[in-house]
Amino acid sequence: TWTHADPTGVLQVTWQRLFKDDSVENLATYSKRFGAQIIDPHRGKVVFTEASLNSTSITVKNVTWADEACYICSFNVYPSGSIRKQTCLTHRYKHSWSINYPALE
């Protein structure tokens, strides 16, 4: 779960997957106007565990090697811009997955 202490000015929350070549793919968004939206083709694979303008989390179901990546949560705040947080899903052992929560500034 990622949180943004002050939801004032938050227009939308977006989840993206960051690839090794630094390209990104949109997975899901939440806004007051449109609610929680999972982008095709991720419906059924990605679900919102929590969706609001100040707190959000997603679950990636049935994790495979293809899901190993960093995931970005962006709070799109007016007028200051985007506030991004990132977590990485990595495969460590034969039957073990781990999530890395890097220190945030």
PDB file of N, CA and C in Angstrom:
ATOM      1  N   THR A   1       0.843  -1.185   0.000  1.00  0.00           N
ATOM      2  CA  THR A   1       0.000   0.000   0.000  1.00  0.00           C
ATOM      3  C   THR A   1       0.885   1.245   0.000  1.00  0.00           C
ATOM      4  N   TRP A   2       0.614   2.145  -0.919  1.00  0.00           N
ATOM      5  CA  TRP A   2       1.293   3.434  -0.948  1.00  0.00           C
ATOM      6  C   TRP A   2       0.288   4.486  -0.538  1.00  0.00           C
ATOM      7  N   THR A   3       0.735   5.442   0.244  1.00  0.00           N
ATOM      8  CA  THR A   3      -0.157   6.507   0.684  1.00  0.00           C
ATOM      9  C   THR A   3       0.432   7.870   0.364  1.00  0.00           C
ATOM     10  N   HIS A   4      -0.455   8.821   0.196  1.00  0.00           N
ATOM     11  CA  HIS A   4      -0.087  10.225   0.021  1.00  0.00           C
ATOM     12  C   HIS A   4      -0.852  10.971   1.105  1.00  0.00           C
ATOM     13  N   ALA A   5      -0.140  11.582   2.029  1.00  0.00           N
ATOM     14  CA  ALA A   5      -0.741  12.129   3.244  1.00  0.00           C
ATOM     15  C   ALA A   5      -1.872  13.119   2.986  1.00  0.00           C
ATOM     16  N   ASP A   6      -1.721  13.968   1.988  1.00  0.00           N
ATOM     17  CA  ASP A   6      -2.719  15.006   1.736  1.00  0.00           C
ATOM     18  C   ASP A   6      -3.343  14.801   0.359  1.00  0.00           C
ATOM     19  N   PRO A   7      -4.587  14.318   0.297  1.00  0.00           N
ATOM     20  CA  PRO A   7      -5.215  14.065  -0.996  1.00  0.00           C
ATOM     21  C   PRO A   7      -5.657  15.332  -1.727  1.00  0.00           C
ATOM     22  N   THR A   8      -5.479  16.512  -1.110  1.00  0.00           N
ATOM     23  CA  THR A   8      -5.862  17.762  -1.760  1.00  0.00           C
ATOM     24  C   THR A   8      -5.103  17.911  -3.074  1.00  0.00           C
ATOM     25  N   GLY A   9      -5.823  18.086  -4.148  1.00  0.00           N
ATOM     26  CA  GLY A   9      -5.201  18.269  -5.454  1.00  0.00           C
ATOM     27  C   GLY A   9      -4.883  16.987  -6.190  1.00  0.00           C
ATOM     28  N   VAL A  10      -5.021  15.822  -5.543  1.00  0.00           N
ATOM     29  CA  VAL A  10      -4.765  14.558  -6.241  1.00  0.00           C
ATOM     30  C   VAL A  10      -5.924  14.305  -7.201  1.00  0.00           C
ATOM     31  N   LEU A  11      -5.609  14.228  -8.484  1.00  0.00           N
ATOM     32  CA  LEU A  11      -6.626  14.022  -9.509  1.00  0.00           C
ATOM     33  C   LEU A  11      -6.749  12.562  -9.905  1.00  0.00           C
ATOM     34  N   GLN A  12      -5.623  11.860  -9.887  1.00  0.00           N
ATOM     35  CA  GLN A  12      -5.614  10.477 -10.361  1.00  0.00           C
ATOM     36  C   GLN A  12      -4.425   9.740  -9.767  1.00  0.00           C
ATOM     37  N   VAL A  13      -4.603   8.445  -9.566  1.00  0.00           N
ATOM     38  CA  VAL A  13      -3.522   7.557  -9.152  1.00  0.00           C
ATOM     39  C   VAL A  13      -3.328   6.553 -10.282  1.00  0.00           C
ATOM     40  N   THR A  14      -2.088   6.356 -10.702  1.00  0.00           N
ATOM     41  CA  THR A  14      -1.785   5.448 -11.812  1.00  0.00           C
ATOM     42  C   THR A  14      -0.739   4.434 -11.383  1.00  0.00           C
ATOM     43  N   TRP A  15      -0.973   3.163 -11.728  1.00  0.00           N
ATOM     44  CA  TRP A  15       0.013   2.098 -11.528  1.00  0.00           C
ATOM     45  C   TRP A  15       0.601   1.730 -12.882  1.00  0.00           C
ATOM     46  N   GLN A  16       1.929   1.610 -12.939  1.00  0.00           N
ATOM     47  CA  GLN A  16       2.638   1.256 -14.167  1.00  0.00           C
ATOM     48  C   GLN A  16       3.683   0.188 -13.878  1.00  0.00           C
ATOM     49  N   ARG A  17       4.024  -0.562 -14.923  1.00  0.00           N
ATOM     50  CA  ARG A  17       5.132  -1.514 -14.830  1.00  0.00           C
ATOM     51  C   ARG A  17       6.309  -0.914 -15.580  1.00  0.00           C
ATOM     52  N   LEU A  18       7.484  -0.938 -14.936  1.00  0.00           N
ATOM     53  CA  LEU A  18       8.715  -0.401 -15.513  1.00  0.00           C
ATOM     54  C   LEU A  18       9.554  -1.557 -16.037  1.00  0.00           C
ATOM     55  N   PHE A  19       9.870  -1.508 -17.323  1.00  0.00           N
ATOM     56  CA  PHE A  19      10.674  -2.559 -17.940  1.00  0.00           C
ATOM     57  C   PHE A  19      12.163  -2.226 -17.845  1.00  0.00           C
ATOM     58  N   LYS A  20      12.998  -3.227 -18.086  1.00  0.00           N
ATOM     59  CA  LYS A  20      14.452  -3.049 -17.978  1.00  0.00           C
ATOM     60  C   LYS A  20      14.988  -2.003 -18.948  1.00  0.00           C
ATOM     61  N   ASP A  21      14.274  -1.789 -20.075  1.00  0.00           N
ATOM     62  CA  ASP A  21      14.710  -0.774 -21.040  1.00  0.00           C
ATOM     63  C   ASP A  21      14.159   0.616 -20.692  1.00  0.00           C
ATOM     64  N   ASP A  22      13.607   0.766 -19.491  1.00  0.00           N
ATOM     65  CA  ASP A  22      13.040   2.011 -18.965  1.00  0.00           C
ATOM     66  C   ASP A  22      11.719   2.428 -19.604  1.00  0.00           C
ATOM     67  N   SER A  23      11.141   1.579 -20.446  1.00  0.00           N
ATOM     68  CA  SER A  23       9.799   1.868 -20.951  1.00  0.00           C
ATOM     69  C   SER A  23       8.790   1.496 -19.864  1.00  0.00           C
ATOM     70  N   VAL A  24       7.611   2.094 -19.925  1.00  0.00           N
ATOM     71  CA  VAL A  24       6.578   1.830 -18.928  1.00  0.00           C
ATOM     72  C   VAL A  24       5.285   1.400 -19.616  1.00  0.00           C
ATOM     73  N   GLU A  25       4.504   0.630 -18.878  1.00  0.00           N
ATOM     74  CA  GLU A  25       3.211   0.162 -19.361  1.00  0.00           C
ATOM     75  C   GLU A  25       2.174   0.481 -18.289  1.00  0.00           C
ATOM     76  N   ASN A  26       1.095   1.149 -18.673  1.00  0.00           N
ATOM     77  CA  ASN A  26       0.025   1.448 -17.729  1.00  0.00           C
ATOM     78  C   ASN A  26      -0.731   0.181 -17.382  1.00  0.00           C
ATOM     79  N   LEU A  27      -0.986  -0.015 -16.085  1.00  0.00           N
ATOM     80  CA  LEU A  27      -1.712  -1.185 -15.603  1.00  0.00           C
ATOM     81  C   LEU A  27      -3.097  -0.827 -15.088  1.00  0.00           C
ATOM     82  N   ALA A  28      -3.171   0.245 -14.287  1.00  0.00           N
ATOM     83  CA  ALA A  28      -4.428   0.579 -13.628  1.00  0.00           C
ATOM     84  C   ALA A  28      -4.439   2.048 -13.235  1.00  0.00           C
ATOM     85  N   THR A  29      -5.637   2.611 -13.153  1.00  0.00           N
ATOM     86  CA  THR A  29      -5.794   3.989 -12.710  1.00  0.00           C
ATOM     87  C   THR A  29      -6.994   4.099 -11.776  1.00  0.00           C
ATOM     88  N   TYR A  30      -6.951   5.128 -10.946  1.00  0.00           N
ATOM     89  CA  TYR A  30      -8.100   5.446 -10.103  1.00  0.00           C
ATOM     90  C   TYR A  30      -8.289   6.953 -10.106  1.00  0.00           C
ATOM     91  N   SER A  31      -9.530   7.389 -10.295  1.00  0.00           N
ATOM     92  CA  SER A  31      -9.894   8.798 -10.168  1.00  0.00           C
ATOM     93  C   SER A  31     -11.316   8.865  -9.631  1.00  0.00           C
ATOM     94  N   LYS A  32     -11.681  10.022  -9.066  1.00  0.00           N
ATOM     95  CA  LYS A  32     -13.055  10.179  -8.579  1.00  0.00           C
ATOM     96  C   LYS A  32     -14.048  10.061  -9.729  1.00  0.00           C
ATOM     97  N   ARG A  33     -13.696  10.637 -10.861  1.00  0.00           N
ATOM     98  CA  ARG A  33     -14.618  10.675 -12.002  1.00  0.00           C
ATOM     99  C   ARG A  33     -14.880   9.297 -12.590  1.00  0.00           C
ATOM    100  N   PHE A  34     -13.817   8.492 -12.772  1.00  0.00           N
ATOM    101  CA  PHE A  34     -13.958   7.210 -13.463  1.00  0.00           C
ATOM    102  C   PHE A  34     -13.843   5.996 -12.549  1.00  0.00           C
ATOM    103  N   GLY A  35     -13.468   6.214 -11.280  1.00  0.00           N
ATOM    104  CA  GLY A  35     -13.325   5.095 -10.363  1.00  0.00           C
ATOM    105  C   GLY A  35     -12.091   4.262 -10.682  1.00  0.00           C
ATOM    106  N   ALA A  36     -12.098   3.016 -10.230  1.00  0.00           N
ATOM    107  CA  ALA A  36     -10.972   2.098 -10.449  1.00  0.00           C
ATOM    108  C   ALA A  36     -11.079   1.487 -11.842  1.00  0.00           C
ATOM    109  N   GLN A  37     -10.014   1.606 -12.613  1.00  0.00           N
ATOM    110  CA  GLN A  37      -9.983   1.074 -13.975  1.00  0.00           C
ATOM    111  C   GLN A  37      -8.720   0.230 -14.162  1.00  0.00           C
ATOM    112  N   ILE A  38      -8.895  -1.018 -14.568  1.00  0.00           N
ATOM    113  CA  ILE A  38      -7.761  -1.874 -14.929  1.00  0.00           C
ATOM    114  C   ILE A  38      -7.656  -1.837 -16.445  1.00  0.00           C
ATOM    115  N   ILE A  39      -6.464  -1.554 -16.949  1.00  0.00           N
ATOM    116  CA  ILE A  39      -6.240  -1.407 -18.381  1.00  0.00           C
ATOM    117  C   ILE A  39      -6.148  -2.787 -19.033  1.00  0.00           C
ATOM    118  N   ASP A  40      -6.834  -2.966 -20.183  1.00  0.00           N
ATOM    119  CA  ASP A  40      -6.653  -4.199 -20.957  1.00  0.00           C
ATOM    120  C   ASP A  40      -5.198  -4.281 -21.364  1.00  0.00           C
ATOM    121  N   PRO A  41      -4.553  -5.380 -21.399  1.00  0.00           N
ATOM    122  CA  PRO A  41      -5.022  -6.749 -21.169  1.00  0.00           C
ATOM    123  C   PRO A  41      -4.808  -7.238 -19.734  1.00  0.00           C
ATOM    124  N   HIS A  42      -4.774  -6.349 -18.774  1.00  0.00           N
ATOM    125  CA  HIS A  42      -4.421  -6.718 -17.397  1.00  0.00           C
ATOM    126  C   HIS A  42      -5.624  -7.063 -16.517  1.00  0.00           C
ATOM    127  N   ARG A  43      -6.819  -6.950 -17.067  1.00  0.00           N
ATOM    128  CA  ARG A  43      -8.016  -7.317 -16.293  1.00  0.00           C
ATOM    129  C   ARG A  43      -7.948  -8.785 -15.919  1.00  0.00           C
ATOM    130  N   GLY A  44      -8.185  -9.070 -14.658  1.00  0.00           N
ATOM    131  CA  GLY A  44      -8.108 -10.434 -14.151  1.00  0.00           C
ATOM    132  C   GLY A  44      -6.731 -10.787 -13.615  1.00  0.00           C
ATOM    133  N   LYS A  45      -5.697 -10.132 -14.112  1.00  0.00           N
ATOM    134  CA  LYS A  45      -4.325 -10.359 -13.651  1.00  0.00           C
ATOM    135  C   LYS A  45      -3.960  -9.367 -12.546  1.00  0.00           C
ATOM    136  N   VAL A  46      -4.361  -8.113 -12.738  1.00  0.00           N
ATOM    137  CA  VAL A  46      -4.102  -7.046 -11.773  1.00  0.00           C
ATOM    138  C   VAL A  46      -5.440  -6.613 -11.180  1.00  0.00           C
ATOM    139  N   VAL A  47      -5.484  -6.492  -9.861  1.00  0.00           N
ATOM    140  CA  VAL A  47      -6.694  -6.003  -9.192  1.00  0.00           C
ATOM    141  C   VAL A  47      -6.300  -4.952  -8.161  1.00  0.00           C
ATOM    142  N   PHE A  48      -7.186  -3.985  -7.966  1.00  0.00           N
ATOM    143  CA  PHE A  48      -6.979  -3.026  -6.889  1.00  0.00           C
ATOM    144  C   PHE A  48      -7.320  -3.699  -5.571  1.00  0.00           C
ATOM    145  N   THR A  49      -6.401  -3.646  -4.618  1.00  0.00           N
ATOM    146  CA  THR A  49      -6.664  -4.085  -3.261  1.00  0.00           C
ATOM    147  C   THR A  49      -7.235  -2.909  -2.474  1.00  0.00           C
ATOM    148  N   GLU A  50      -6.747  -1.734  -2.802  1.00  0.00           N
ATOM    149  CA  GLU A  50      -7.242  -0.491  -2.214  1.00  0.00           C
ATOM    150  C   GLU A  50      -7.157   0.589  -3.279  1.00  0.00           C
ATOM    151  N   ALA A  51      -8.207   1.390  -3.402  1.00  0.00           N
ATOM    152  CA  ALA A  51      -8.220   2.440  -4.420  1.00  0.00           C
ATOM    153  C   ALA A  51      -8.866   3.697  -3.856  1.00  0.00           C
ATOM    154  N   SER A  52      -8.041   4.708  -3.637  1.00  0.00           N
ATOM    155  CA  SER A  52      -8.530   6.030  -3.243  1.00  0.00           C
ATOM    156  C   SER A  52      -7.484   7.042  -3.692  1.00  0.00           C
ATOM    157  N   LEU A  53      -7.785   8.313  -3.520  1.00  0.00           N
ATOM    158  CA  LEU A  53      -6.845   9.341  -3.962  1.00  0.00           C
ATOM    159  C   LEU A  53      -5.681   9.558  -3.005  1.00  0.00           C
ATOM    160  N   ASN A  54      -5.733   8.956  -1.815  1.00  0.00           N
ATOM    161  CA  ASN A  54      -4.592   9.107  -0.905  1.00  0.00           C
ATOM    162  C   ASN A  54      -3.981   7.779  -0.462  1.00  0.00           C
ATOM    163  N   SER A  55      -4.570   6.648  -0.860  1.00  0.00           N
ATOM    164  CA  SER A  55      -4.021   5.345  -0.491  1.00  0.00           C
ATOM    165  C   SER A  55      -4.389   4.325  -1.562  1.00  0.00           C
ATOM    166  N   THR A  56      -3.406   3.578  -2.022  1.00  0.00           N
ATOM    167  CA  THR A  56      -3.657   2.658  -3.124  1.00  0.00           C
ATOM    168  C   THR A  56      -2.755   1.438  -3.035  1.00  0.00           C
ATOM    169  N   SER A  57      -3.277   0.308  -3.474  1.00  0.00           N
ATOM    170  CA  SER A  57      -2.459  -0.897  -3.606  1.00  0.00           C
ATOM    171  C   SER A  57      -3.083  -1.782  -4.670  1.00  0.00           C
ATOM    172  N   ILE A  58      -2.224  -2.555  -5.330  1.00  0.00           N
ATOM    173  CA  ILE A  58      -2.686  -3.518  -6.319  1.00  0.00           C
ATOM    174  C   ILE A  58      -2.149  -4.893  -5.948  1.00  0.00           C
ATOM    175  N   THR A  59      -2.789  -5.910  -6.486  1.00  0.00           N
ATOM    176  CA  THR A  59      -2.315  -7.284  -6.374  1.00  0.00           C
ATOM    177  C   THR A  59      -2.129  -7.812  -7.785  1.00  0.00           C
ATOM    178  N   VAL A  60      -0.981  -8.431  -8.028  1.00  0.00           N
ATOM    179  CA  VAL A  60      -0.731  -9.119  -9.293  1.00  0.00           C
ATOM    180  C   VAL A  60      -0.979 -10.592  -9.015  1.00  0.00           C
ATOM    181  N   LYS A  61      -1.974 -11.154  -9.681  1.00  0.00           N
ATOM    182  CA  LYS A  61      -2.368 -12.538  -9.421  1.00  0.00           C
ATOM    183  C   LYS A  61      -1.517 -13.522 -10.219  1.00  0.00           C
ATOM    184  N   ASN A  62      -1.379 -14.721  -9.672  1.00  0.00           N
ATOM    185  CA  ASN A  62      -0.689 -15.825 -10.356  1.00  0.00           C
ATOM    186  C   ASN A  62       0.631 -15.363 -10.968  1.00  0.00           C
ATOM    187  N   VAL A  63       1.518 -14.881 -10.119  1.00  0.00           N
ATOM    188  CA  VAL A  63       2.791 -14.301 -10.549  1.00  0.00           C
ATOM    189  C   VAL A  63       3.624 -15.309 -11.334  1.00  0.00           C
ATOM    190  N   THR A  64       4.184 -14.837 -12.456  1.00  0.00           N
ATOM    191  CA  THR A  64       5.074 -15.640 -13.298  1.00  0.00           C
ATOM    192  C   THR A  64       6.361 -14.848 -13.536  1.00  0.00           C
ATOM    193  N   TRP A  65       7.296 -15.470 -14.249  1.00  0.00           N
ATOM    194  CA  TRP A  65       8.548 -14.789 -14.594  1.00  0.00           C
ATOM    195  C   TRP A  65       8.278 -13.477 -15.321  1.00  0.00           C
ATOM    196  N   ALA A  66       7.243 -13.433 -16.145  1.00  0.00           N
ATOM    197  CA  ALA A  66       6.931 -12.232 -16.924  1.00  0.00           C
ATOM    198  C   ALA A  66       6.545 -11.048 -16.039  1.00  0.00           C
ATOM    199  N   ASP A  67       6.155 -11.313 -14.801  1.00  0.00           N
ATOM    200  CA  ASP A  67       5.747 -10.249 -13.886  1.00  0.00           C
ATOM    201  C   ASP A  67       6.915  -9.639 -13.116  1.00  0.00           C
ATOM    202  N   GLU A  68       8.096 -10.217 -13.261  1.00  0.00           N
ATOM    203  CA  GLU A  68       9.276  -9.695 -12.569  1.00  0.00           C
ATOM    204  C   GLU A  68       9.621  -8.330 -13.158  1.00  0.00           C
ATOM    205  N   ALA A  69       9.453  -7.288 -12.351  1.00  0.00           N
ATOM    206  CA  ALA A  69       9.671  -5.914 -12.812  1.00  0.00           C
ATOM    207  C   ALA A  69       9.534  -4.978 -11.621  1.00  0.00           C
ATOM    208  N   CYS A  70       9.777  -3.718 -11.886  1.00  0.00           N
ATOM    209  CA  CYS A  70       9.468  -2.697 -10.894  1.00  0.00           C
ATOM    210  C   CYS A  70       8.106  -2.106 -11.237  1.00  0.00           C
ATOM    211  N   TYR A  71       7.366  -1.760 -10.202  1.00  0.00           N
ATOM    212  CA  TYR A  71       6.022  -1.212 -10.363  1.00  0.00           C
ATOM    213  C   TYR A  71       5.999   0.187  -9.763  1.00  0.00           C
ATOM    214  N   ILE A  72       5.450   1.117 -10.525  1.00  0.00           N
ATOM    215  CA  ILE A  72       5.429   2.526 -10.138  1.00  0.00           C
ATOM    216  C   ILE A  72       4.002   2.932  -9.792  1.00  0.00           C
ATOM    217  N   CYS A  73       3.873   3.611  -8.685  1.00  0.00           N
ATOM    218  CA  CYS A  73       2.603   4.230  -8.303  1.00  0.00           C
ATOM    219  C   CYS A  73       2.794   5.737  -8.421  1.00  0.00           C
ATOM    220  N   SER A  74       1.964   6.387  -9.231  1.00  0.00           N
ATOM    221  CA  SER A  74       2.054   7.837  -9.411  1.00  0.00           C
ATOM    222  C   SER A  74       0.791   8.512  -8.901  1.00  0.00           C
ATOM    223  N   PHE A  75       0.973   9.454  -7.993  1.00  0.00           N
ATOM    224  CA  PHE A  75      -0.123  10.313  -7.558  1.00  0.00           C
ATOM    225  C   PHE A  75      -0.026  11.578  -8.407  1.00  0.00           C
ATOM    226  N   ASN A  76      -0.989  11.794  -9.283  1.00  0.00           N
ATOM    227  CA  ASN A  76      -0.988  12.967 -10.154  1.00  0.00           C
ATOM    228  C   ASN A  76      -1.692  14.107  -9.422  1.00  0.00           C
ATOM    229  N   VAL A  77      -0.885  15.080  -8.986  1.00  0.00           N
ATOM    230  CA  VAL A  77      -1.350  16.137  -8.095  1.00  0.00           C
ATOM    231  C   VAL A  77      -1.356  17.475  -8.829  1.00  0.00           C
ATOM    232  N   TYR A  78      -2.493  18.175  -8.764  1.00  0.00           N
ATOM    233  CA  TYR A  78      -2.589  19.505  -9.354  1.00  0.00           C
ATOM    234  C   TYR A  78      -2.338  20.538  -8.266  1.00  0.00           C
ATOM    235  N   PRO A  79      -1.516  21.524  -8.475  1.00  0.00           N
ATOM    236  CA  PRO A  79      -0.766  21.854  -9.679  1.00  0.00           C
ATOM    237  C   PRO A  79       0.683  21.378  -9.650  1.00  0.00           C
ATOM    238  N   SER A  80       1.092  20.645  -8.602  1.00  0.00           N
ATOM    239  CA  SER A  80       2.522  20.351  -8.419  1.00  0.00           C
ATOM    240  C   SER A  80       3.078  19.271  -9.332  1.00  0.00           C
ATOM    241  N   GLY A  81       2.244  18.417  -9.914  1.00  0.00           N
ATOM    242  CA  GLY A  81       2.741  17.383 -10.823  1.00  0.00           C
ATOM    243  C   GLY A  81       2.618  15.999 -10.229  1.00  0.00           C
ATOM    244  N   SER A  82       3.481  15.106 -10.665  1.00  0.00           N
ATOM    245  CA  SER A  82       3.399  13.699 -10.291  1.00  0.00           C
ATOM    246  C   SER A  82       4.351  13.364  -9.145  1.00  0.00           C
ATOM    247  N   ILE A  83       3.833  12.616  -8.176  1.00  0.00           N
ATOM    248  CA  ILE A  83       4.654  12.092  -7.084  1.00  0.00           C
ATOM    249  C   ILE A  83       4.709  10.587  -7.276  1.00  0.00           C
ATOM    250  N   ARG A  84       5.920  10.053  -7.498  1.00  0.00           N
ATOM    251  CA  ARG A  84       6.073   8.637  -7.835  1.00  0.00           C
ATOM    252  C   ARG A  84       6.717   7.852  -6.707  1.00  0.00           C
ATOM    253  N   LYS A  85       6.212   6.639  -6.540  1.00  0.00           N
ATOM    254  CA  LYS A  85       6.806   5.682  -5.608  1.00  0.00           C
ATOM    255  C   LYS A  85       6.968   4.375  -6.371  1.00  0.00           C
ATOM    256  N   GLN A  86       7.972   3.595  -6.009  1.00  0.00           N
ATOM    257  CA  GLN A  86       8.300   2.394  -6.782  1.00  0.00           C
ATOM    258  C   GLN A  86       8.588   1.214  -5.869  1.00  0.00           C
ATOM    259  N   THR A  87       8.160   0.041  -6.299  1.00  0.00           N
ATOM    260  CA  THR A  87       8.490  -1.208  -5.622  1.00  0.00           C
ATOM    261  C   THR A  87       8.842  -2.229  -6.693  1.00  0.00           C
ATOM    262  N   CYS A  88       9.704  -3.183  -6.354  1.00  0.00           N
ATOM    263  CA  CYS A  88      10.157  -4.157  -7.347  1.00  0.00           C
ATOM    264  C   CYS A  88       9.827  -5.581  -6.915  1.00  0.00           C
ATOM    265  N   LEU A  89       9.375  -6.359  -7.855  1.00  0.00           N
ATOM    266  CA  LEU A  89       9.072  -7.771  -7.658  1.00  0.00           C
ATOM    267  C   LEU A  89      10.184  -8.567  -8.329  1.00  0.00           C
ATOM    268  N   THR A  90      10.902  -9.381  -7.546  1.00  0.00           N
ATOM    269  CA  THR A  90      12.022 -10.146  -8.090  1.00  0.00           C
ATOM    270  C   THR A  90      11.936 -11.607  -7.687  1.00  0.00           C
ATOM    271  N   HIS A  91      12.487 -12.443  -8.543  1.00  0.00           N
ATOM    272  CA  HIS A  91      12.550 -13.876  -8.271  1.00  0.00           C
ATOM    273  C   HIS A  91      13.904 -14.166  -7.640  1.00  0.00           C
ATOM    274  N   ARG A  92      13.898 -14.751  -6.453  1.00  0.00           N
ATOM    275  CA  ARG A  92      15.153 -15.008  -5.748  1.00  0.00           C
ATOM    276  C   ARG A  92      15.550 -16.471  -5.753  1.00  0.00           C
ATOM    277  N   TYR A  93      14.612 -17.344  -5.511  1.00  0.00           N
ATOM    278  CA  TYR A  93      14.899 -18.765  -5.397  1.00  0.00           C
ATOM    279  C   TYR A  93      13.915 -19.533  -6.260  1.00  0.00           C
ATOM    280  N   LYS A  94      14.115 -20.811  -6.340  1.00  0.00           N
ATOM    281  CA  LYS A  94      13.294 -21.645  -7.208  1.00  0.00           C
ATOM    282  C   LYS A  94      11.797 -21.442  -6.985  1.00  0.00           C
ATOM    283  N   HIS A  95      11.362 -21.365  -5.748  1.00  0.00           N
ATOM    284  CA  HIS A  95       9.932 -21.239  -5.464  1.00  0.00           C
ATOM    285  C   HIS A  95       9.624 -20.035  -4.583  1.00  0.00           C
ATOM    286  N   SER A  96      10.396 -18.974  -4.719  1.00  0.00           N
ATOM    287  CA  SER A  96      10.218 -17.834  -3.832  1.00  0.00           C
ATOM    288  C   SER A  96      10.226 -16.526  -4.610  1.00  0.00           C
ATOM    289  N   TRP A  97       9.266 -15.676  -4.308  1.00  0.00           N
ATOM    290  CA  TRP A  97       9.208 -14.336  -4.878  1.00  0.00           C
ATOM    291  C   TRP A  97       9.369 -13.349  -3.738  1.00  0.00           C
ATOM    292  N   SER A  98       9.953 -12.212  -4.024  1.00  0.00           N
ATOM    293  CA  SER A  98      10.072 -11.197  -2.981  1.00  0.00           C
ATOM    294  C   SER A  98       9.711  -9.835  -3.545  1.00  0.00           C
ATOM    295  N   ILE A  99       9.268  -8.977  -2.663  1.00  0.00           N
ATOM    296  CA  ILE A  99       8.945  -7.608  -3.028  1.00  0.00           C
ATOM    297  C   ILE A  99       9.912  -6.712  -2.287  1.00  0.00           C
ATOM    298  N   ASN A 100      10.557  -5.820  -3.018  1.00  0.00           N
ATOM    299  CA  ASN A 100      11.530  -4.904  -2.448  1.00  0.00           C
ATOM    300  C   ASN A 100      10.901  -3.527  -2.326  1.00  0.00           C
ATOM    301  N   TYR A 101      10.837  -3.013  -1.102  1.00  0.00           N
ATOM    302  CA  TYR A 101      10.338  -1.666  -0.859  1.00  0.00           C
ATOM    303  C   TYR A 101      11.529  -0.763  -0.587  1.00  0.00           C
ATOM    304  N   PRO A 102      12.019  -0.043  -1.600  1.00  0.00           N
ATOM    305  CA  PRO A 102      13.172   0.823  -1.377  1.00  0.00           C
ATOM    306  C   PRO A 102      12.814   1.988  -0.459  1.00  0.00           C
ATOM    307  N   ALA A 103      13.819   2.527   0.182  1.00  0.00           N
ATOM    308  CA  ALA A 103      13.607   3.674   1.066  1.00  0.00           C
ATOM    309  C   ALA A 103      13.097   4.855   0.261  1.00  0.00           C
ATOM    310  N   LEU A 104      12.125   5.563   0.806  1.00  0.00           N
ATOM    311  CA  LEU A 104      11.559   6.729   0.142  1.00  0.00           C
ATOM    312  C   LEU A 104      12.086   7.985   0.791  1.00  0.00           C
ATOM    313  N   GLU A 105      12.255   9.004  -0.017  1.00  0.00           N
ATOM    314  CA  GLU A 105      12.721  10.294   0.508  1.00  0.00           C
ATOM    315  C   GLU A 105      11.545  11.153   0.885  1.00  0.00           C
TER     316      GLU A 105
END
